Amino acid sequence: MIVPGGPGEQNRTMSAADAAAQRAEDDSPNSADVSYARMMIEHHRQALEMTELAPDRAESASLKRLAERIAAAQGPEIAAMRGWLTTHGKAEKSGGHQHGSMPGMATEAQLSQLRAARGKAFDQLFLTLMITHHEGAITMATDVKAQGNNLLVEEMADDVVAQQTTEITRMRTLL
C-alpha cells in the first residue's frame, strides 16, 4: 500500500498486514458508529413490523417467503447491534433521535395503509415500501462506512449493503 506523506514529505509504502495492524490499533468507535447501530436497530425493527403482516395479508407465496427471509436476517442483526452497543458501554437509545429522519422509514400513515391492505394491494404496497426501506438502510450503511471507525460496524454495514441490495433486486422482480 502507498501511504501519502505529509506536506513536503515523500509517500511511503506499507504492507497490507502492517496496514491491517495499524487499523486494528485504532478501532475505537466514534459517534457515527454508535449512531448507526442505534438507528439501524430502529430501522430493522420497522422492517420486522412490516414483515409480520405478510403471512395474513399477502397474496403472493414468493412475497411471503421473502418477508420470512427479511425477518430471519434482521432479527439477528438487531441482536448483534445491541450486543455491540453493550460491549462499548452505549445505551440503545440516544434519547433525542426521531426515526422519521432516517432514510427509507415508512410514515405512520403508510404503515396504516399497509395494515389495512390485503391481497395484491398489500403485495404492491409492501414491495414499494420495503424497497424504499432497504434503499434507506443502504444509504445509512454507506454513510457509516465513510464516517465510522470501528471495524465490526464496517463489517455489519457491508453485510447490510450486500444482503439488502440482493433483496431489492428480488423485490423488483415481484413488482
N, C-alpha and C. Protein backbone atom coordinates (compact mmCIF):
# COMPACT_ATOMS: atom_id res chain seq x y z
N MET A 1 0.84 -1.17 0.00
CA MET A 1 0.00 0.00 0.00
C MET A 1 0.89 1.24 0.00
N ILE A 2 0.44 2.27 -0.70
CA ILE A 2 1.13 3.55 -0.69
C ILE A 2 0.45 4.44 0.34
N VAL A 3 1.25 4.98 1.23
CA VAL A 3 0.74 5.86 2.27
C VAL A 3 1.22 7.28 1.94
N PRO A 4 0.27 8.19 1.70
CA PRO A 4 0.69 9.56 1.37
C PRO A 4 1.48 10.19 2.51
N GLY A 5 2.51 10.91 2.13
CA GLY A 5 3.29 11.65 3.13
C GLY A 5 2.60 12.96 3.46
N GLY A 6 3.04 13.58 4.50
CA GLY A 6 2.52 14.88 4.88
C GLY A 6 3.01 15.95 3.90
N PRO A 7 2.60 17.17 4.07
CA PRO A 7 3.05 18.24 3.17
C PRO A 7 4.58 18.29 3.12
N GLY A 8 5.13 18.21 1.92
CA GLY A 8 6.57 18.25 1.73
C GLY A 8 7.29 16.95 1.98
N GLU A 9 6.56 15.90 2.36
CA GLU A 9 7.18 14.59 2.64
C GLU A 9 6.91 13.64 1.49
N GLN A 10 7.79 12.65 1.37
CA GLN A 10 7.63 11.61 0.36
C GLN A 10 6.54 10.63 0.78
N ASN A 11 5.89 10.01 -0.20
CA ASN A 11 5.00 8.89 0.09
C ASN A 11 5.85 7.73 0.59
N ARG A 12 5.23 6.82 1.31
CA ARG A 12 5.94 5.62 1.74
C ARG A 12 5.07 4.42 1.46
N THR A 13 5.63 3.27 1.52
CA THR A 13 4.86 2.04 1.29
C THR A 13 4.70 1.31 2.61
N MET A 14 3.63 0.52 2.66
CA MET A 14 3.31 -0.26 3.86
C MET A 14 2.69 -1.58 3.38
N SER A 15 3.03 -2.66 4.04
CA SER A 15 2.44 -3.95 3.66
C SER A 15 0.98 -3.98 4.09
N ALA A 16 0.21 -4.84 3.45
CA ALA A 16 -1.21 -4.98 3.81
C ALA A 16 -1.35 -5.41 5.27
N ALA A 17 -0.45 -6.28 5.72
CA ALA A 17 -0.50 -6.75 7.11
C ALA A 17 -0.25 -5.60 8.08
N ASP A 18 0.72 -4.74 7.75
CA ASP A 18 1.00 -3.58 8.60
C ASP A 18 -0.18 -2.62 8.62
N ALA A 19 -0.81 -2.42 7.47
CA ALA A 19 -1.97 -1.54 7.40
C ALA A 19 -3.11 -2.09 8.25
N ALA A 20 -3.33 -3.40 8.17
CA ALA A 20 -4.39 -4.03 8.97
C ALA A 20 -4.09 -3.91 10.46
N ALA A 21 -2.83 -4.10 10.84
CA ALA A 21 -2.44 -3.99 12.25
C ALA A 21 -2.63 -2.56 12.74
N GLN A 22 -2.26 -1.59 11.90
CA GLN A 22 -2.43 -0.19 12.28
C GLN A 22 -3.90 0.13 12.45
N ARG A 23 -4.73 -0.38 11.55
CA ARG A 23 -6.18 -0.15 11.63
C ARG A 23 -6.73 -0.77 12.91
N ALA A 24 -6.26 -1.99 13.24
CA ALA A 24 -6.76 -2.69 14.41
C ALA A 24 -6.40 -1.95 15.70
N GLU A 25 -5.28 -1.22 15.68
CA GLU A 25 -4.86 -0.49 16.87
C GLU A 25 -5.83 0.64 17.20
N ASP A 26 -6.43 1.25 16.19
CA ASP A 26 -7.36 2.34 16.43
C ASP A 26 -8.73 1.97 15.88
N ASP A 27 -9.37 1.06 16.58
CA ASP A 27 -10.68 0.55 16.17
C ASP A 27 -11.77 1.14 17.04
N SER A 28 -11.42 2.17 17.82
CA SER A 28 -12.37 2.71 18.77
C SER A 28 -13.58 3.31 18.05
N PRO A 29 -14.78 2.99 18.54
CA PRO A 29 -15.99 3.51 17.90
C PRO A 29 -16.05 5.02 18.03
N ASN A 30 -16.56 5.64 16.99
CA ASN A 30 -16.82 7.08 17.06
C ASN A 30 -18.33 7.30 17.06
N SER A 31 -18.74 8.56 17.06
CA SER A 31 -20.18 8.86 17.17
C SER A 31 -20.96 8.33 15.96
N ALA A 32 -20.33 8.27 14.78
CA ALA A 32 -21.02 7.73 13.60
C ALA A 32 -21.32 6.24 13.77
N ASP A 33 -20.37 5.50 14.35
CA ASP A 33 -20.59 4.07 14.60
C ASP A 33 -21.75 3.85 15.57
N VAL A 34 -21.75 4.61 16.65
CA VAL A 34 -22.80 4.47 17.67
C VAL A 34 -24.15 4.87 17.10
N SER A 35 -24.20 5.98 16.39
CA SER A 35 -25.47 6.42 15.79
C SER A 35 -25.99 5.39 14.81
N TYR A 36 -25.10 4.83 14.00
CA TYR A 36 -25.51 3.82 13.02
C TYR A 36 -26.15 2.62 13.72
N ALA A 37 -25.51 2.10 14.74
CA ALA A 37 -26.06 0.94 15.45
C ALA A 37 -27.43 1.26 16.04
N ARG A 38 -27.53 2.40 16.67
CA ARG A 38 -28.81 2.80 17.27
C ARG A 38 -29.91 2.95 16.22
N MET A 39 -29.57 3.65 15.14
CA MET A 39 -30.58 3.90 14.10
C MET A 39 -30.94 2.61 13.37
N MET A 40 -29.97 1.75 13.13
CA MET A 40 -30.26 0.53 12.38
C MET A 40 -31.13 -0.43 13.20
N ILE A 41 -30.99 -0.42 14.50
CA ILE A 41 -31.90 -1.22 15.34
C ILE A 41 -33.33 -0.76 15.10
N GLU A 42 -33.55 0.53 15.14
CA GLU A 42 -34.90 1.07 14.93
C GLU A 42 -35.37 0.83 13.50
N HIS A 43 -34.47 0.98 12.55
CA HIS A 43 -34.79 0.76 11.14
C HIS A 43 -35.21 -0.70 10.92
N HIS A 44 -34.41 -1.63 11.44
CA HIS A 44 -34.74 -3.05 11.29
C HIS A 44 -36.04 -3.40 12.03
N ARG A 45 -36.26 -2.76 13.17
CA ARG A 45 -37.50 -3.01 13.92
C ARG A 45 -38.72 -2.72 13.04
N GLN A 46 -38.66 -1.61 12.29
CA GLN A 46 -39.79 -1.28 11.43
C GLN A 46 -39.93 -2.32 10.31
N ALA A 47 -38.83 -2.79 9.76
CA ALA A 47 -38.90 -3.83 8.73
C ALA A 47 -39.56 -5.09 9.30
N LEU A 48 -39.23 -5.45 10.53
CA LEU A 48 -39.85 -6.62 11.16
C LEU A 48 -41.35 -6.40 11.34
N GLU A 49 -41.73 -5.19 11.72
CA GLU A 49 -43.15 -4.86 11.86
C GLU A 49 -43.88 -5.07 10.52
N MET A 50 -43.24 -4.66 9.44
CA MET A 50 -43.85 -4.81 8.12
C MET A 50 -43.91 -6.29 7.70
N THR A 51 -42.84 -7.04 7.96
CA THR A 51 -42.83 -8.45 7.55
C THR A 51 -43.83 -9.29 8.34
N GLU A 52 -44.11 -8.90 9.57
CA GLU A 52 -45.09 -9.64 10.38
C GLU A 52 -46.48 -9.61 9.78
N LEU A 53 -46.76 -8.63 8.93
CA LEU A 53 -48.07 -8.51 8.31
C LEU A 53 -48.25 -9.45 7.11
N ALA A 54 -47.16 -9.86 6.51
CA ALA A 54 -47.22 -10.62 5.26
C ALA A 54 -47.96 -11.95 5.33
N PRO A 55 -47.76 -12.78 6.35
CA PRO A 55 -48.43 -14.09 6.33
C PRO A 55 -49.95 -14.02 6.20
N ASP A 56 -50.57 -13.03 6.84
CA ASP A 56 -52.03 -12.92 6.83
C ASP A 56 -52.59 -12.05 5.72
N ARG A 57 -51.74 -11.24 5.10
CA ARG A 57 -52.25 -10.25 4.15
C ARG A 57 -51.77 -10.44 2.72
N ALA A 58 -50.59 -10.99 2.55
CA ALA A 58 -50.01 -11.11 1.20
C ALA A 58 -50.72 -12.18 0.39
N GLU A 59 -50.79 -11.95 -0.91
CA GLU A 59 -51.34 -12.94 -1.82
C GLU A 59 -50.24 -13.84 -2.37
N SER A 60 -49.10 -13.24 -2.70
CA SER A 60 -48.00 -13.95 -3.34
C SER A 60 -47.22 -14.82 -2.36
N ALA A 61 -47.08 -16.09 -2.70
CA ALA A 61 -46.27 -17.00 -1.88
C ALA A 61 -44.81 -16.57 -1.91
N SER A 62 -44.36 -16.03 -3.04
CA SER A 62 -42.97 -15.54 -3.14
C SER A 62 -42.74 -14.37 -2.20
N LEU A 63 -43.71 -13.49 -2.11
CA LEU A 63 -43.58 -12.35 -1.20
C LEU A 63 -43.56 -12.83 0.25
N LYS A 64 -44.38 -13.81 0.57
CA LYS A 64 -44.40 -14.35 1.94
C LYS A 64 -43.03 -14.94 2.29
N ARG A 65 -42.43 -15.68 1.35
CA ARG A 65 -41.10 -16.26 1.59
C ARG A 65 -40.06 -15.16 1.74
N LEU A 66 -40.15 -14.14 0.91
CA LEU A 66 -39.22 -13.01 1.00
C LEU A 66 -39.33 -12.34 2.37
N ALA A 67 -40.55 -12.11 2.83
CA ALA A 67 -40.76 -11.49 4.14
C ALA A 67 -40.15 -12.35 5.25
N GLU A 68 -40.28 -13.67 5.13
CA GLU A 68 -39.67 -14.58 6.11
C GLU A 68 -38.15 -14.44 6.12
N ARG A 69 -37.55 -14.34 4.91
CA ARG A 69 -36.09 -14.19 4.82
C ARG A 69 -35.62 -12.86 5.41
N ILE A 70 -36.38 -11.81 5.14
CA ILE A 70 -36.02 -10.49 5.68
C ILE A 70 -36.06 -10.55 7.21
N ALA A 71 -37.12 -11.12 7.76
CA ALA A 71 -37.26 -11.22 9.22
C ALA A 71 -36.15 -12.10 9.81
N ALA A 72 -35.83 -13.20 9.13
CA ALA A 72 -34.80 -14.11 9.63
C ALA A 72 -33.42 -13.45 9.66
N ALA A 73 -33.18 -12.51 8.76
CA ALA A 73 -31.89 -11.81 8.72
C ALA A 73 -31.84 -10.65 9.71
N GLN A 74 -32.92 -9.89 9.77
CA GLN A 74 -32.86 -8.64 10.51
C GLN A 74 -33.01 -8.82 12.03
N GLY A 75 -33.69 -9.88 12.46
CA GLY A 75 -33.77 -10.15 13.90
C GLY A 75 -32.38 -10.35 14.50
N PRO A 76 -31.57 -11.26 13.93
CA PRO A 76 -30.21 -11.45 14.45
C PRO A 76 -29.32 -10.21 14.30
N GLU A 77 -29.54 -9.42 13.25
CA GLU A 77 -28.75 -8.19 13.10
C GLU A 77 -29.06 -7.21 14.23
N ILE A 78 -30.32 -7.13 14.63
CA ILE A 78 -30.68 -6.28 15.77
C ILE A 78 -29.94 -6.76 17.01
N ALA A 79 -29.94 -8.07 17.24
CA ALA A 79 -29.26 -8.64 18.41
C ALA A 79 -27.76 -8.34 18.36
N ALA A 80 -27.15 -8.43 17.18
CA ALA A 80 -25.72 -8.15 17.05
C ALA A 80 -25.43 -6.69 17.36
N MET A 81 -26.27 -5.79 16.87
CA MET A 81 -26.05 -4.36 17.12
C MET A 81 -26.28 -4.01 18.59
N ARG A 82 -27.27 -4.64 19.20
CA ARG A 82 -27.48 -4.42 20.63
C ARG A 82 -26.26 -4.89 21.41
N GLY A 83 -25.75 -6.06 21.05
CA GLY A 83 -24.56 -6.60 21.71
C GLY A 83 -23.36 -5.69 21.54
N TRP A 84 -23.20 -5.15 20.34
CA TRP A 84 -22.09 -4.24 20.07
C TRP A 84 -22.20 -3.00 20.94
N LEU A 85 -23.41 -2.42 21.04
CA LEU A 85 -23.61 -1.24 21.88
C LEU A 85 -23.29 -1.56 23.34
N THR A 86 -23.76 -2.70 23.82
CA THR A 86 -23.50 -3.10 25.21
C THR A 86 -22.00 -3.26 25.45
N THR A 87 -21.33 -3.92 24.53
CA THR A 87 -19.88 -4.13 24.64
C THR A 87 -19.14 -2.80 24.77
N HIS A 88 -19.63 -1.79 24.09
CA HIS A 88 -18.96 -0.49 24.10
C HIS A 88 -19.58 0.49 25.10
N GLY A 89 -20.45 -0.04 25.98
CA GLY A 89 -21.00 0.78 27.06
C GLY A 89 -21.95 1.87 26.60
N LYS A 90 -22.64 1.62 25.49
CA LYS A 90 -23.55 2.63 24.94
C LYS A 90 -24.99 2.15 25.11
N ALA A 91 -25.87 3.10 25.42
CA ALA A 91 -27.29 2.79 25.53
C ALA A 91 -27.87 2.55 24.13
N GLU A 92 -28.94 1.78 24.08
CA GLU A 92 -29.58 1.51 22.79
C GLU A 92 -30.23 2.75 22.19
N LYS A 93 -30.73 3.60 23.04
CA LYS A 93 -31.39 4.82 22.55
C LYS A 93 -30.61 6.03 23.02
N SER A 94 -30.54 7.03 22.14
CA SER A 94 -29.81 8.25 22.49
C SER A 94 -30.72 9.25 23.19
N GLY A 95 -32.01 9.06 23.08
CA GLY A 95 -32.93 9.96 23.75
C GLY A 95 -33.53 11.03 22.85
N GLY A 96 -32.83 11.45 21.80
CA GLY A 96 -33.36 12.55 21.03
C GLY A 96 -33.61 12.27 19.57
N HIS A 97 -33.31 11.07 19.08
CA HIS A 97 -33.41 10.84 17.64
C HIS A 97 -34.84 10.50 17.22
N GLN A 98 -35.30 11.16 16.18
CA GLN A 98 -36.61 10.87 15.61
C GLN A 98 -36.43 9.95 14.42
N HIS A 99 -37.13 8.80 14.40
CA HIS A 99 -36.89 7.84 13.33
C HIS A 99 -37.38 8.33 11.98
N GLY A 100 -38.24 9.33 11.97
CA GLY A 100 -38.72 9.85 10.70
C GLY A 100 -37.63 10.47 9.85
N SER A 101 -36.53 10.85 10.49
CA SER A 101 -35.43 11.46 9.74
C SER A 101 -34.48 10.42 9.15
N MET A 102 -34.69 9.16 9.47
CA MET A 102 -33.85 8.10 8.91
C MET A 102 -34.29 7.80 7.48
N PRO A 103 -33.32 7.61 6.60
CA PRO A 103 -33.68 7.31 5.21
C PRO A 103 -34.49 6.01 5.08
N GLY A 104 -35.54 6.07 4.28
CA GLY A 104 -36.30 4.88 3.95
C GLY A 104 -37.40 4.49 4.92
N MET A 105 -37.53 5.20 6.03
CA MET A 105 -38.54 4.81 7.01
C MET A 105 -39.94 5.14 6.49
N ALA A 106 -40.85 4.18 6.66
CA ALA A 106 -42.25 4.41 6.29
C ALA A 106 -42.88 5.31 7.34
N THR A 107 -43.80 6.14 6.89
CA THR A 107 -44.53 7.00 7.82
C THR A 107 -45.60 6.17 8.53
N GLU A 108 -46.15 6.71 9.58
CA GLU A 108 -47.23 6.01 10.28
C GLU A 108 -48.43 5.84 9.36
N ALA A 109 -48.70 6.83 8.51
CA ALA A 109 -49.82 6.73 7.56
C ALA A 109 -49.57 5.59 6.56
N GLN A 110 -48.34 5.45 6.10
CA GLN A 110 -48.03 4.35 5.17
C GLN A 110 -48.17 3.00 5.86
N LEU A 111 -47.74 2.92 7.10
CA LEU A 111 -47.88 1.67 7.85
C LEU A 111 -49.35 1.33 8.07
N SER A 112 -50.16 2.34 8.33
CA SER A 112 -51.60 2.11 8.49
C SER A 112 -52.22 1.59 7.20
N GLN A 113 -51.80 2.17 6.07
CA GLN A 113 -52.27 1.68 4.76
C GLN A 113 -51.87 0.23 4.56
N LEU A 114 -50.64 -0.09 4.93
CA LEU A 114 -50.16 -1.46 4.76
C LEU A 114 -50.95 -2.42 5.65
N ARG A 115 -51.23 -2.02 6.88
CA ARG A 115 -52.01 -2.88 7.79
C ARG A 115 -53.42 -3.13 7.25
N ALA A 116 -53.97 -2.15 6.54
CA ALA A 116 -55.34 -2.27 6.02
C ALA A 116 -55.41 -3.01 4.69
N ALA A 117 -54.31 -3.12 3.99
CA ALA A 117 -54.31 -3.72 2.65
C ALA A 117 -54.34 -5.24 2.71
N ARG A 118 -54.89 -5.84 1.66
CA ARG A 118 -54.97 -7.31 1.54
C ARG A 118 -54.69 -7.69 0.10
N GLY A 119 -54.19 -8.91 -0.11
CA GLY A 119 -54.02 -9.45 -1.46
C GLY A 119 -53.00 -8.68 -2.28
N LYS A 120 -53.36 -8.47 -3.55
CA LYS A 120 -52.44 -7.79 -4.49
C LYS A 120 -52.11 -6.37 -4.02
N ALA A 121 -53.08 -5.69 -3.44
CA ALA A 121 -52.84 -4.32 -2.95
C ALA A 121 -51.77 -4.34 -1.85
N PHE A 122 -51.84 -5.32 -0.96
CA PHE A 122 -50.81 -5.45 0.08
C PHE A 122 -49.46 -5.73 -0.55
N ASP A 123 -49.43 -6.69 -1.48
CA ASP A 123 -48.16 -7.07 -2.11
C ASP A 123 -47.49 -5.86 -2.73
N GLN A 124 -48.24 -5.09 -3.48
CA GLN A 124 -47.69 -3.92 -4.18
C GLN A 124 -47.16 -2.89 -3.18
N LEU A 125 -47.96 -2.58 -2.17
CA LEU A 125 -47.55 -1.58 -1.19
C LEU A 125 -46.36 -2.08 -0.36
N PHE A 126 -46.39 -3.33 0.04
CA PHE A 126 -45.28 -3.91 0.80
C PHE A 126 -43.98 -3.78 0.01
N LEU A 127 -44.01 -4.19 -1.24
CA LEU A 127 -42.79 -4.15 -2.06
C LEU A 127 -42.30 -2.72 -2.25
N THR A 128 -43.21 -1.80 -2.51
CA THR A 128 -42.84 -0.39 -2.70
C THR A 128 -42.20 0.17 -1.43
N LEU A 129 -42.83 -0.07 -0.28
CA LEU A 129 -42.31 0.44 0.98
C LEU A 129 -41.00 -0.24 1.37
N MET A 130 -40.91 -1.55 1.16
CA MET A 130 -39.72 -2.28 1.59
C MET A 130 -38.52 -1.97 0.69
N ILE A 131 -38.74 -1.74 -0.60
CA ILE A 131 -37.63 -1.33 -1.46
C ILE A 131 -37.07 0.01 -0.98
N THR A 132 -37.96 0.95 -0.71
CA THR A 132 -37.54 2.26 -0.20
C THR A 132 -36.82 2.10 1.14
N HIS A 133 -37.36 1.22 1.99
CA HIS A 133 -36.79 0.97 3.30
C HIS A 133 -35.37 0.42 3.16
N HIS A 134 -35.19 -0.57 2.29
CA HIS A 134 -33.87 -1.16 2.07
C HIS A 134 -32.90 -0.14 1.46
N GLU A 135 -33.38 0.66 0.54
CA GLU A 135 -32.51 1.70 -0.04
C GLU A 135 -32.02 2.66 1.04
N GLY A 136 -32.90 2.97 2.00
CA GLY A 136 -32.51 3.82 3.12
C GLY A 136 -31.44 3.16 3.98
N ALA A 137 -31.59 1.86 4.23
CA ALA A 137 -30.58 1.14 5.02
C ALA A 137 -29.23 1.13 4.31
N ILE A 138 -29.25 0.98 3.00
CA ILE A 138 -28.00 1.01 2.22
C ILE A 138 -27.35 2.38 2.32
N THR A 139 -28.16 3.44 2.27
CA THR A 139 -27.63 4.80 2.43
C THR A 139 -26.97 4.95 3.80
N MET A 140 -27.63 4.48 4.84
CA MET A 140 -27.07 4.57 6.19
C MET A 140 -25.78 3.77 6.31
N ALA A 141 -25.76 2.57 5.72
CA ALA A 141 -24.56 1.73 5.78
C ALA A 141 -23.40 2.37 5.02
N THR A 142 -23.70 2.95 3.88
CA THR A 142 -22.67 3.62 3.09
C THR A 142 -22.11 4.82 3.86
N ASP A 143 -22.99 5.55 4.52
CA ASP A 143 -22.56 6.71 5.30
C ASP A 143 -21.63 6.30 6.44
N VAL A 144 -21.97 5.23 7.16
CA VAL A 144 -21.12 4.85 8.30
C VAL A 144 -19.78 4.29 7.81
N LYS A 145 -19.77 3.69 6.64
CA LYS A 145 -18.50 3.22 6.10
C LYS A 145 -17.57 4.39 5.81
N ALA A 146 -18.13 5.52 5.44
CA ALA A 146 -17.32 6.71 5.16
C ALA A 146 -16.95 7.47 6.43
N GLN A 147 -17.81 7.42 7.45
CA GLN A 147 -17.62 8.27 8.62
C GLN A 147 -17.22 7.52 9.89
N GLY A 148 -17.51 6.22 9.94
CA GLY A 148 -17.24 5.44 11.15
C GLY A 148 -15.78 5.04 11.26
N ASN A 149 -15.45 4.39 12.38
CA ASN A 149 -14.07 3.98 12.63
C ASN A 149 -13.97 2.53 13.07
N ASN A 150 -15.06 1.92 13.50
CA ASN A 150 -15.00 0.59 14.08
C ASN A 150 -15.13 -0.49 13.01
N LEU A 151 -14.21 -1.44 13.03
CA LEU A 151 -14.16 -2.48 12.01
C LEU A 151 -15.41 -3.37 12.04
N LEU A 152 -15.91 -3.72 13.22
CA LEU A 152 -17.10 -4.57 13.30
C LEU A 152 -18.32 -3.85 12.73
N VAL A 153 -18.46 -2.58 13.00
CA VAL A 153 -19.58 -1.81 12.43
C VAL A 153 -19.44 -1.77 10.91
N GLU A 154 -18.22 -1.59 10.43
CA GLU A 154 -18.00 -1.58 8.99
C GLU A 154 -18.40 -2.93 8.37
N GLU A 155 -18.05 -4.02 9.04
CA GLU A 155 -18.43 -5.35 8.55
C GLU A 155 -19.95 -5.52 8.56
N MET A 156 -20.61 -5.04 9.62
CA MET A 156 -22.08 -5.13 9.66
C MET A 156 -22.69 -4.29 8.53
N ALA A 157 -22.12 -3.13 8.28
CA ALA A 157 -22.61 -2.27 7.20
C ALA A 157 -22.41 -2.95 5.84
N ASP A 158 -21.27 -3.61 5.65
CA ASP A 158 -21.03 -4.35 4.41
C ASP A 158 -22.09 -5.43 4.21
N ASP A 159 -22.43 -6.13 5.31
CA ASP A 159 -23.47 -7.17 5.23
C ASP A 159 -24.82 -6.58 4.85
N VAL A 160 -25.16 -5.44 5.43
CA VAL A 160 -26.42 -4.78 5.10
C VAL A 160 -26.46 -4.42 3.62
N VAL A 161 -25.39 -3.83 3.12
CA VAL A 161 -25.35 -3.44 1.71
C VAL A 161 -25.52 -4.66 0.82
N ALA A 162 -24.76 -5.71 1.08
CA ALA A 162 -24.81 -6.90 0.22
C ALA A 162 -26.19 -7.57 0.27
N GLN A 163 -26.68 -7.80 1.46
CA GLN A 163 -27.95 -8.51 1.61
C GLN A 163 -29.13 -7.71 1.09
N GLN A 164 -29.17 -6.44 1.42
CA GLN A 164 -30.33 -5.66 1.04
C GLN A 164 -30.32 -5.29 -0.44
N THR A 165 -29.15 -5.20 -1.04
CA THR A 165 -29.08 -5.00 -2.49
C THR A 165 -29.66 -6.21 -3.20
N THR A 166 -29.31 -7.38 -2.73
CA THR A 166 -29.86 -8.62 -3.30
C THR A 166 -31.37 -8.67 -3.13
N GLU A 167 -31.85 -8.31 -1.95
CA GLU A 167 -33.29 -8.35 -1.69
C GLU A 167 -34.04 -7.32 -2.54
N ILE A 168 -33.45 -6.15 -2.77
CA ILE A 168 -34.09 -5.15 -3.63
C ILE A 168 -34.26 -5.72 -5.03
N THR A 169 -33.22 -6.35 -5.55
CA THR A 169 -33.30 -6.98 -6.88
C THR A 169 -34.42 -7.99 -6.92
N ARG A 170 -34.52 -8.81 -5.89
CA ARG A 170 -35.57 -9.84 -5.79
C ARG A 170 -36.95 -9.17 -5.74
N MET A 171 -37.07 -8.12 -4.95
CA MET A 171 -38.37 -7.45 -4.81
C MET A 171 -38.81 -6.81 -6.12
N ARG A 172 -37.87 -6.25 -6.83
CA ARG A 172 -38.24 -5.61 -8.10
C ARG A 172 -38.79 -6.62 -9.11
N THR A 173 -38.35 -7.87 -9.03
CA THR A 173 -38.90 -8.89 -9.93
C THR A 173 -40.33 -9.26 -9.54
N LEU A 174 -40.71 -8.98 -8.30
CA LEU A 174 -42.06 -9.30 -7.82
C LEU A 174 -43.05 -8.17 -8.06
N LEU A 175 -42.57 -6.98 -8.40
CA LEU A 175 -43.46 -5.84 -8.62
C LEU A 175 -44.36 -6.06 -9.83
